Amino acid sequence: MSSALRVEDLVAGYGATVVLDGLSFDLPTGGTLAVLGRNGVGKTTLLATLMGFTNRHRGVIRFGDRPIESVATHRRNRAGLGYVPQEREIFPSLSVEENLLVARRGGGWTLAAVYDLFPALKERRRNSGNRLSGGEQQMLAVGRALVGAPRLLLLDEPTEGLAPIVVEALAEALARIRDQSVLSIILVEQRVDLALSFARDAIVLDRGRIVWRGASTALDADDDTKHRLLGVAG
């Protein structure tokens, strides 16, 4: 099976500070990967590094058959990296529809498909971004990434701060994206059960290194390892 993404001996951080210390992993085309770990271990930094927002000190990032570690962020996006940041970063003064239109690219999801996935966005398509709830803003951030024609979708803590009923709706939407498209997806998520049920494979980070890797089902069944590495009660 071909690789959507291959990371080799990646060392990166902010300025001279190293956060990621020798990461190597492979994501097959169409694969799903959960990135887990306690707070401050480098999960968000990993996604930021894949997008080119940090200082890379060493290592290779290969997207498909192309090394991209020296490629500018906007060119990574145009090549097919879609990013949903933890802060969402929608345009607050633009309407929902304008937020989608400004990011739209040929080959991406249509507005109709995004509205079908997130009916609340269709109802509020003329509302400005700063008049949306936190859950609606998160839906908009995901939709904006989808209209940009990604081949690999990077999701950073998409359920953070959301009410349980909104988390459930968002999880169902993400499962539809996974099942009804050919996207490869990396999910950073603090809700361990949600992440392991979503992704086929998982890695666990600790102090910027991978300390566990394997099938999500294997980790989900191993209460001792979940408690030791993630603080999840068995």
C-alpha atoms as a PDB file:
ATOM      1  CA  MET A   1       0.000   0.000   0.000  1.00  0.00           C
ATOM      2  CA  SER A   2       1.308   3.452  -0.908  1.00  0.00           C
ATOM      3  CA  SER A   3       2.084   6.043   1.747  1.00  0.00           C
ATOM      4  CA  ALA A   4       0.126   9.255   2.115  1.00  0.00           C
ATOM      5  CA  LEU A   5       2.703  10.539   4.581  1.00  0.00           C
ATOM      6  CA  ARG A   6       6.065   9.306   5.779  1.00  0.00           C
ATOM      7  CA  VAL A   7       7.938  11.020   8.593  1.00  0.00           C
ATOM      8  CA  GLU A   8      11.557  10.054   9.242  1.00  0.00           C
ATOM      9  CA  ASP A   9      13.646  11.088  12.276  1.00  0.00           C
ATOM     10  CA  LEU A  10      11.798  14.378  12.680  1.00  0.00           C
ATOM     11  CA  VAL A  11      13.290  16.844  15.165  1.00  0.00           C
ATOM     12  CA  ALA A  12      11.448  20.156  15.439  1.00  0.00           C
ATOM     13  CA  GLY A  13      10.251  22.833  17.827  1.00  0.00           C
ATOM     14  CA  TYR A  14      10.170  26.570  18.358  1.00  0.00           C
ATOM     15  CA  GLY A  15      13.400  28.465  17.906  1.00  0.00           C
ATOM     16  CA  ALA A  16      16.191  26.424  19.454  1.00  0.00           C
ATOM     17  CA  THR A  17      13.757  24.537  21.699  1.00  0.00           C
ATOM     18  CA  VAL A  18      13.234  20.927  20.617  1.00  0.00           C
ATOM     19  CA  VAL A  19       9.712  19.574  21.128  1.00  0.00           C
ATOM     20  CA  LEU A  20       9.663  16.640  18.705  1.00  0.00           C
ATOM     21  CA  ASP A  21      12.679  14.418  19.201  1.00  0.00           C
ATOM     22  CA  GLY A  22      13.220  11.868  16.440  1.00  0.00           C
ATOM     23  CA  LEU A  23       9.696  10.956  15.315  1.00  0.00           C
ATOM     24  CA  SER A  24       9.255   8.378  12.560  1.00  0.00           C
ATOM     25  CA  PHE A  25       5.938   6.972  11.335  1.00  0.00           C
ATOM     26  CA  ASP A  26       4.086   6.080   8.168  1.00  0.00           C
ATOM     27  CA  LEU A  27       0.460   6.750   7.206  1.00  0.00           C
ATOM     28  CA  PRO A  28      -0.898   4.702   4.285  1.00  0.00           C
ATOM     29  CA  THR A  29      -3.087   6.290   1.646  1.00  0.00           C
ATOM     30  CA  GLY A  30      -6.642   6.345   2.963  1.00  0.00           C
ATOM     31  CA  GLY A  31      -5.407   5.553   6.463  1.00  0.00           C
ATOM     32  CA  THR A  32      -6.490   7.085   9.760  1.00  0.00           C
ATOM     33  CA  LEU A  33      -4.100   7.795  12.620  1.00  0.00           C
ATOM     34  CA  ALA A  34      -4.886   8.921  16.170  1.00  0.00           C
ATOM     35  CA  VAL A  35      -2.128  10.903  17.883  1.00  0.00           C
ATOM     36  CA  LEU A  36      -2.500  10.588  21.642  1.00  0.00           C
ATOM     37  CA  GLY A  37      -0.624  11.661  24.745  1.00  0.00           C
ATOM     38  CA  ARG A  38      -0.863  13.792  27.831  1.00  0.00           C
ATOM     39  CA  ASN A  39      -0.830  17.594  27.591  1.00  0.00           C
ATOM     40  CA  GLY A  40       2.403  19.174  26.436  1.00  0.00           C
ATOM     41  CA  VAL A  41       3.983  16.112  24.795  1.00  0.00           C
ATOM     42  CA  GLY A  42       4.101  17.512  21.256  1.00  0.00           C
ATOM     43  CA  LYS A  43       0.837  16.519  19.598  1.00  0.00           C
ATOM     44  CA  THR A  44      -0.113  19.992  18.365  1.00  0.00           C
ATOM     45  CA  THR A  45       3.519  20.692  17.498  1.00  0.00           C
ATOM     46  CA  LEU A  46       3.513  17.622  15.245  1.00  0.00           C
ATOM     47  CA  LEU A  47       0.623  18.930  13.150  1.00  0.00           C
ATOM     48  CA  ALA A  48       2.104  22.442  13.112  1.00  0.00           C
ATOM     49  CA  THR A  49       5.401  20.987  11.907  1.00  0.00           C
ATOM     50  CA  LEU A  50       3.703  19.033   9.129  1.00  0.00           C
ATOM     51  CA  MET A  51       2.224  22.354   7.972  1.00  0.00           C
ATOM     52  CA  GLY A  52       5.550  24.202   8.235  1.00  0.00           C
ATOM     53  CA  PHE A  53       4.792  26.436  11.220  1.00  0.00           C
ATOM     54  CA  THR A  54       7.727  25.372  13.423  1.00  0.00           C
ATOM     55  CA  ASN A  55      11.505  25.170  13.201  1.00  0.00           C
ATOM     56  CA  ARG A  56      12.612  21.821  11.772  1.00  0.00           C
ATOM     57  CA  HIS A  57      16.086  20.870  12.933  1.00  0.00           C
ATOM     58  CA  ARG A  58      16.344  17.485  11.258  1.00  0.00           C
ATOM     59  CA  GLY A  59      14.315  14.870   9.459  1.00  0.00           C
ATOM     60  CA  VAL A  60      12.226  14.194   6.370  1.00  0.00           C
ATOM     61  CA  ILE A  61       8.510  14.776   5.758  1.00  0.00           C
ATOM     62  CA  ARG A  62       7.404  12.970   2.625  1.00  0.00           C
ATOM     63  CA  PHE A  63       3.893  13.664   1.353  1.00  0.00           C
ATOM     64  CA  GLY A  64       3.087  11.020  -1.204  1.00  0.00           C
ATOM     65  CA  ASP A  65       6.259  10.720  -3.265  1.00  0.00           C
ATOM     66  CA  ARG A  66       7.413  14.285  -2.559  1.00  0.00           C
ATOM     67  CA  PRO A  67       9.623  15.584   0.275  1.00  0.00           C
ATOM     68  CA  ILE A  68       7.958  18.730   1.664  1.00  0.00           C
ATOM     69  CA  GLU A  69      10.017  19.606   4.735  1.00  0.00           C
ATOM     70  CA  SER A  70      11.485  22.646   2.928  1.00  0.00           C
ATOM     71  CA  VAL A  71       8.268  23.627   1.136  1.00  0.00           C
ATOM     72  CA  ALA A  72       6.409  26.801   2.164  1.00  0.00           C
ATOM     73  CA  THR A  73       3.191  26.358   4.150  1.00  0.00           C
ATOM     74  CA  HIS A  74       0.894  27.682   1.421  1.00  0.00           C
ATOM     75  CA  ARG A  75       2.418  25.278  -1.078  1.00  0.00           C
ATOM     76  CA  ARG A  76       1.878  22.351   1.307  1.00  0.00           C
ATOM     77  CA  ASN A  77      -1.759  23.358   1.467  1.00  0.00           C
ATOM     78  CA  ARG A  78      -2.041  23.570  -2.299  1.00  0.00           C
ATOM     79  CA  ALA A  79      -0.409  20.149  -2.573  1.00  0.00           C
ATOM     80  CA  GLY A  80      -3.223  18.669  -0.512  1.00  0.00           C
ATOM     81  CA  LEU A  81      -2.565  19.164   3.199  1.00  0.00           C
ATOM     82  CA  GLY A  82      -5.746  20.359   4.899  1.00  0.00           C
ATOM     83  CA  TYR A  83      -5.399  21.733   8.437  1.00  0.00           C
ATOM     84  CA  VAL A  84      -8.053  22.304  11.094  1.00  0.00           C
ATOM     85  CA  PRO A  85      -6.178  24.113  13.889  1.00  0.00           C
ATOM     86  CA  GLN A  86      -7.059  23.894  17.551  1.00  0.00           C
ATOM     87  CA  GLU A  87      -7.999  27.602  17.575  1.00  0.00           C
ATOM     88  CA  ARG A  88     -10.273  27.134  14.486  1.00  0.00           C
ATOM     89  CA  GLU A  89      -9.121  30.494  13.043  1.00  0.00           C
ATOM     90  CA  ILE A  90     -12.181  31.218  10.948  1.00  0.00           C
ATOM     91  CA  PHE A  91     -12.665  34.745   9.604  1.00  0.00           C
ATOM     92  CA  PRO A  92     -14.959  36.379  12.202  1.00  0.00           C
ATOM     93  CA  SER A  93     -16.143  39.208   9.960  1.00  0.00           C
ATOM     94  CA  LEU A  94     -17.046  36.953   7.017  1.00  0.00           C
ATOM     95  CA  SER A  95     -20.248  34.972   6.764  1.00  0.00           C
ATOM     96  CA  VAL A  96     -20.262  31.191   6.929  1.00  0.00           C
ATOM     97  CA  GLU A  97     -20.610  30.985   3.165  1.00  0.00           C
ATOM     98  CA  GLU A  98     -17.876  33.555   2.560  1.00  0.00           C
ATOM     99  CA  ASN A  99     -15.538  31.580   4.838  1.00  0.00           C
ATOM    100  CA  LEU A 100     -16.159  28.542   2.636  1.00  0.00           C
ATOM    101  CA  LEU A 101     -15.955  30.378  -0.682  1.00  0.00           C
ATOM    102  CA  VAL A 102     -12.640  32.035   0.125  1.00  0.00           C
ATOM    103  CA  ALA A 103     -11.052  28.619   0.751  1.00  0.00           C
ATOM    104  CA  ARG A 104     -12.735  26.760  -2.111  1.00  0.00           C
ATOM    105  CA  ARG A 105     -10.504  25.018  -4.634  1.00  0.00           C
ATOM    106  CA  GLY A 106     -11.293  22.882  -7.651  1.00  0.00           C
ATOM    107  CA  GLY A 107     -11.698  19.236  -6.738  1.00  0.00           C
ATOM    108  CA  GLY A 108     -12.679  19.983  -3.155  1.00  0.00           C
ATOM    109  CA  TRP A 109     -15.998  19.376  -1.473  1.00  0.00           C
ATOM    110  CA  THR A 110     -18.869  21.442  -2.816  1.00  0.00           C
ATOM    111  CA  LEU A 111     -20.764  23.843  -0.587  1.00  0.00           C
ATOM    112  CA  ALA A 112     -23.797  21.589  -0.953  1.00  0.00           C
ATOM    113  CA  ALA A 113     -21.803  18.615   0.354  1.00  0.00           C
ATOM    114  CA  VAL A 114     -20.544  20.616   3.347  1.00  0.00           C
ATOM    115  CA  TYR A 115     -24.072  21.802   4.131  1.00  0.00           C
ATOM    116  CA  ASP A 116     -25.319  18.228   3.895  1.00  0.00           C
ATOM    117  CA  LEU A 117     -22.621  17.180   6.368  1.00  0.00           C
ATOM    118  CA  PHE A 118     -23.328  20.131   8.690  1.00  0.00           C
ATOM    119  CA  PRO A 119     -26.975  21.253   8.310  1.00  0.00           C
ATOM    120  CA  ALA A 120     -26.482  23.914  11.007  1.00  0.00           C
ATOM    121  CA  LEU A 121     -24.056  25.730   8.717  1.00  0.00           C
ATOM    122  CA  LYS A 122     -26.638  25.901   5.953  1.00  0.00           C
ATOM    123  CA  GLU A 123     -29.130  27.429   8.363  1.00  0.00           C
ATOM    124  CA  ARG A 124     -26.561  30.037   9.408  1.00  0.00           C
ATOM    125  CA  ARG A 125     -24.794  30.509   6.074  1.00  0.00           C
ATOM    126  CA  ARG A 126     -25.372  34.279   6.171  1.00  0.00           C
ATOM    127  CA  ASN A 127     -24.258  34.673   9.792  1.00  0.00           C
ATOM    128  CA  SER A 128     -20.801  36.083  10.421  1.00  0.00           C
ATOM    129  CA  GLY A 129     -18.216  33.856  12.042  1.00  0.00           C
ATOM    130  CA  ASN A 130     -18.314  35.746  15.313  1.00  0.00           C
ATOM    131  CA  ARG A 131     -22.042  35.001  15.664  1.00  0.00           C
ATOM    132  CA  LEU A 132     -21.572  31.226  15.661  1.00  0.00           C
ATOM    133  CA  SER A 133     -21.404  28.934  18.662  1.00  0.00           C
ATOM    134  CA  GLY A 134     -18.179  27.102  19.411  1.00  0.00           C
ATOM    135  CA  GLY A 135     -19.537  23.935  17.847  1.00  0.00           C
ATOM    136  CA  GLU A 136     -20.651  25.766  14.713  1.00  0.00           C
ATOM    137  CA  GLN A 137     -17.246  27.420  14.415  1.00  0.00           C
ATOM    138  CA  GLN A 138     -15.628  23.987  14.615  1.00  0.00           C
ATOM    139  CA  MET A 139     -17.935  22.663  11.909  1.00  0.00           C
ATOM    140  CA  LEU A 140     -17.032  25.657   9.758  1.00  0.00           C
ATOM    141  CA  ALA A 141     -13.303  25.061  10.290  1.00  0.00           C
ATOM    142  CA  VAL A 142     -13.710  21.453   9.144  1.00  0.00           C
ATOM    143  CA  GLY A 143     -15.865  22.469   6.197  1.00  0.00           C
ATOM    144  CA  ARG A 144     -13.369  25.128   5.155  1.00  0.00           C
ATOM    145  CA  ALA A 145     -10.617  22.511   5.070  1.00  0.00           C
ATOM    146  CA  LEU A 146     -12.751  20.141   2.999  1.00  0.00           C
ATOM    147  CA  VAL A 147     -13.566  22.673   0.264  1.00  0.00           C
ATOM    148  CA  GLY A 148      -9.812  23.202  -0.167  1.00  0.00           C
ATOM    149  CA  ALA A 149      -9.409  19.776  -1.825  1.00  0.00           C
ATOM    150  CA  PRO A 150      -7.228  18.038   0.768  1.00  0.00           C
ATOM    151  CA  ARG A 151      -5.726  14.600   0.336  1.00  0.00           C
ATOM    152  CA  LEU A 152      -4.570  14.511   3.957  1.00  0.00           C
ATOM    153  CA  LEU A 153      -6.680  16.119   6.678  1.00  0.00           C
ATOM    154  CA  LEU A 154      -5.019  17.193   9.944  1.00  0.00           C
ATOM    155  CA  LEU A 155      -7.444  17.646  12.849  1.00  0.00           C
ATOM    156  CA  ASP A 156      -6.143  19.237  16.046  1.00  0.00           C
ATOM    157  CA  GLU A 157      -8.396  18.666  19.085  1.00  0.00           C
ATOM    158  CA  PRO A 158     -11.666  19.170  17.170  1.00  0.00           C
ATOM    159  CA  THR A 159     -13.881  18.390  20.176  1.00  0.00           C
ATOM    160  CA  GLU A 160     -12.099  20.606  22.710  1.00  0.00           C
ATOM    161  CA  GLY A 161     -14.464  22.726  24.767  1.00  0.00           C
ATOM    162  CA  LEU A 162     -17.639  21.428  23.115  1.00  0.00           C
ATOM    163  CA  ALA A 163     -20.785  20.204  24.842  1.00  0.00           C
ATOM    164  CA  PRO A 164     -21.311  16.421  24.801  1.00  0.00           C
ATOM    165  CA  ILE A 165     -24.219  16.601  22.351  1.00  0.00           C
ATOM    166  CA  VAL A 166     -22.092  18.656  19.953  1.00  0.00           C
ATOM    167  CA  VAL A 167     -19.167  16.239  20.367  1.00  0.00           C
ATOM    168  CA  GLU A 168     -21.454  13.389  19.386  1.00  0.00           C
ATOM    169  CA  ALA A 169     -22.675  15.199  16.269  1.00  0.00           C
ATOM    170  CA  LEU A 170     -19.151  16.173  15.255  1.00  0.00           C
ATOM    171  CA  ALA A 171     -17.877  12.621  15.778  1.00  0.00           C
ATOM    172  CA  GLU A 172     -20.634  11.321  13.495  1.00  0.00           C
ATOM    173  CA  ALA A 173     -19.688  13.871  10.839  1.00  0.00           C
ATOM    174  CA  LEU A 174     -16.002  12.936  11.044  1.00  0.00           C
ATOM    175  CA  ALA A 175     -16.942   9.274  10.660  1.00  0.00           C
ATOM    176  CA  ARG A 176     -18.876  10.176   7.498  1.00  0.00           C
ATOM    177  CA  ILE A 177     -15.839  12.014   6.139  1.00  0.00           C
ATOM    178  CA  ARG A 178     -13.693   8.958   6.882  1.00  0.00           C
ATOM    179  CA  ASP A 179     -16.116   6.464   5.350  1.00  0.00           C
ATOM    180  CA  GLN A 180     -17.346   8.405   2.323  1.00  0.00           C
ATOM    181  CA  SER A 181     -14.109   9.864   0.999  1.00  0.00           C
ATOM    182  CA  VAL A 182     -10.601   8.781   0.049  1.00  0.00           C
ATOM    183  CA  LEU A 183      -8.976  11.128   2.552  1.00  0.00           C
ATOM    184  CA  SER A 184      -6.108  10.165   4.809  1.00  0.00           C
ATOM    185  CA  ILE A 185      -6.685  11.637   8.275  1.00  0.00           C
ATOM    186  CA  ILE A 186      -4.541  12.394  11.328  1.00  0.00           C
ATOM    187  CA  LEU A 187      -6.540  13.143  14.460  1.00  0.00           C
ATOM    188  CA  VAL A 188      -5.079  14.710  17.603  1.00  0.00           C
ATOM    189  CA  GLU A 189      -7.637  14.207  20.347  1.00  0.00           C
ATOM    190  CA  GLN A 190      -7.802  14.162  24.145  1.00  0.00           C
ATOM    191  CA  ARG A 191     -10.943  12.005  24.190  1.00  0.00           C
ATOM    192  CA  VAL A 192      -9.170   8.667  23.977  1.00  0.00           C
ATOM    193  CA  ASP A 193     -12.250   6.530  23.385  1.00  0.00           C
ATOM    194  CA  LEU A 194     -13.408   8.755  20.540  1.00  0.00           C
ATOM    195  CA  ALA A 195      -9.976   8.794  18.920  1.00  0.00           C
ATOM    196  CA  LEU A 196      -9.481   5.025  19.127  1.00  0.00           C
ATOM    197  CA  SER A 197     -12.938   4.303  17.751  1.00  0.00           C
ATOM    198  CA  PHE A 198     -12.303   6.693  14.859  1.00  0.00           C
ATOM    199  CA  ALA A 199      -8.791   5.786  13.733  1.00  0.00           C
ATOM    200  CA  ARG A 200      -7.455   2.445  12.545  1.00  0.00           C
ATOM    201  CA  ASP A 201      -3.973   3.087  13.949  1.00  0.00           C
ATOM    202  CA  ALA A 202      -2.577   5.082  16.856  1.00  0.00           C
ATOM    203  CA  ILE A 203       0.636   6.489  18.216  1.00  0.00           C
ATOM    204  CA  VAL A 204       1.232   7.768  21.733  1.00  0.00           C
ATOM    205  CA  LEU A 205       3.703  10.588  22.356  1.00  0.00           C
ATOM    206  CA  ASP A 206       5.647  11.322  25.505  1.00  0.00           C
ATOM    207  CA  ARG A 207       8.231  14.107  25.726  1.00  0.00           C
ATOM    208  CA  GLY A 208       8.289  14.442  21.970  1.00  0.00           C
ATOM    209  CA  ARG A 209       8.906  10.769  21.247  1.00  0.00           C
ATOM    210  CA  ILE A 210       6.691   7.906  20.149  1.00  0.00           C
ATOM    211  CA  VAL A 211       6.353   5.508  23.082  1.00  0.00           C
ATOM    212  CA  TRP A 212       3.620   3.295  21.646  1.00  0.00           C
ATOM    213  CA  ARG A 213       2.373   2.494  18.149  1.00  0.00           C
ATOM    214  CA  GLY A 214      -0.014  -0.035  16.703  1.00  0.00           C
ATOM    215  CA  ALA A 215      -3.630  -0.783  15.917  1.00  0.00           C
ATOM    216  CA  SER A 216      -6.181   1.300  17.794  1.00  0.00           C
ATOM    217  CA  THR A 217      -8.067  -1.841  18.749  1.00  0.00           C
ATOM    218  CA  ALA A 218      -4.945  -3.196  20.487  1.00  0.00           C
ATOM    219  CA  LEU A 219      -4.496  -0.042  22.557  1.00  0.00           C
ATOM    220  CA  ASP A 220      -8.187   0.151  23.345  1.00  0.00           C
ATOM    221  CA  ALA A 221      -8.050  -3.372  24.776  1.00  0.00           C
ATOM    222  CA  ASP A 222      -4.952  -2.682  26.896  1.00  0.00           C
ATOM    223  CA  ASP A 223      -6.196  -0.887  30.010  1.00  0.00           C
ATOM    224  CA  ASP A 224      -2.804  -1.011  31.736  1.00  0.00           C
ATOM    225  CA  THR A 225      -1.059   0.766  28.862  1.00  0.00           C
ATOM    226  CA  LYS A 226      -3.837   3.343  28.536  1.00  0.00           C
ATOM    227  CA  HIS A 227      -3.601   4.109  32.235  1.00  0.00           C
ATOM    228  CA  ARG A 228       0.203   4.247  32.250  1.00  0.00           C
ATOM    229  CA  LEU A 229       0.631   6.413  29.145  1.00  0.00           C
ATOM    230  CA  LEU A 230      -2.615   8.366  29.008  1.00  0.00           C
ATOM    231  CA  GLY A 231      -3.984   8.402  32.530  1.00  0.00           C
ATOM    232  CA  VAL A 232      -7.172   6.664  31.381  1.00  0.00           C
ATOM    233  CA  ALA A 233      -8.820   4.512  34.016  1.00  0.00           C
ATOM    234  CA  GLY A 234      -9.387   0.875  33.131  1.00  0.00           C
END
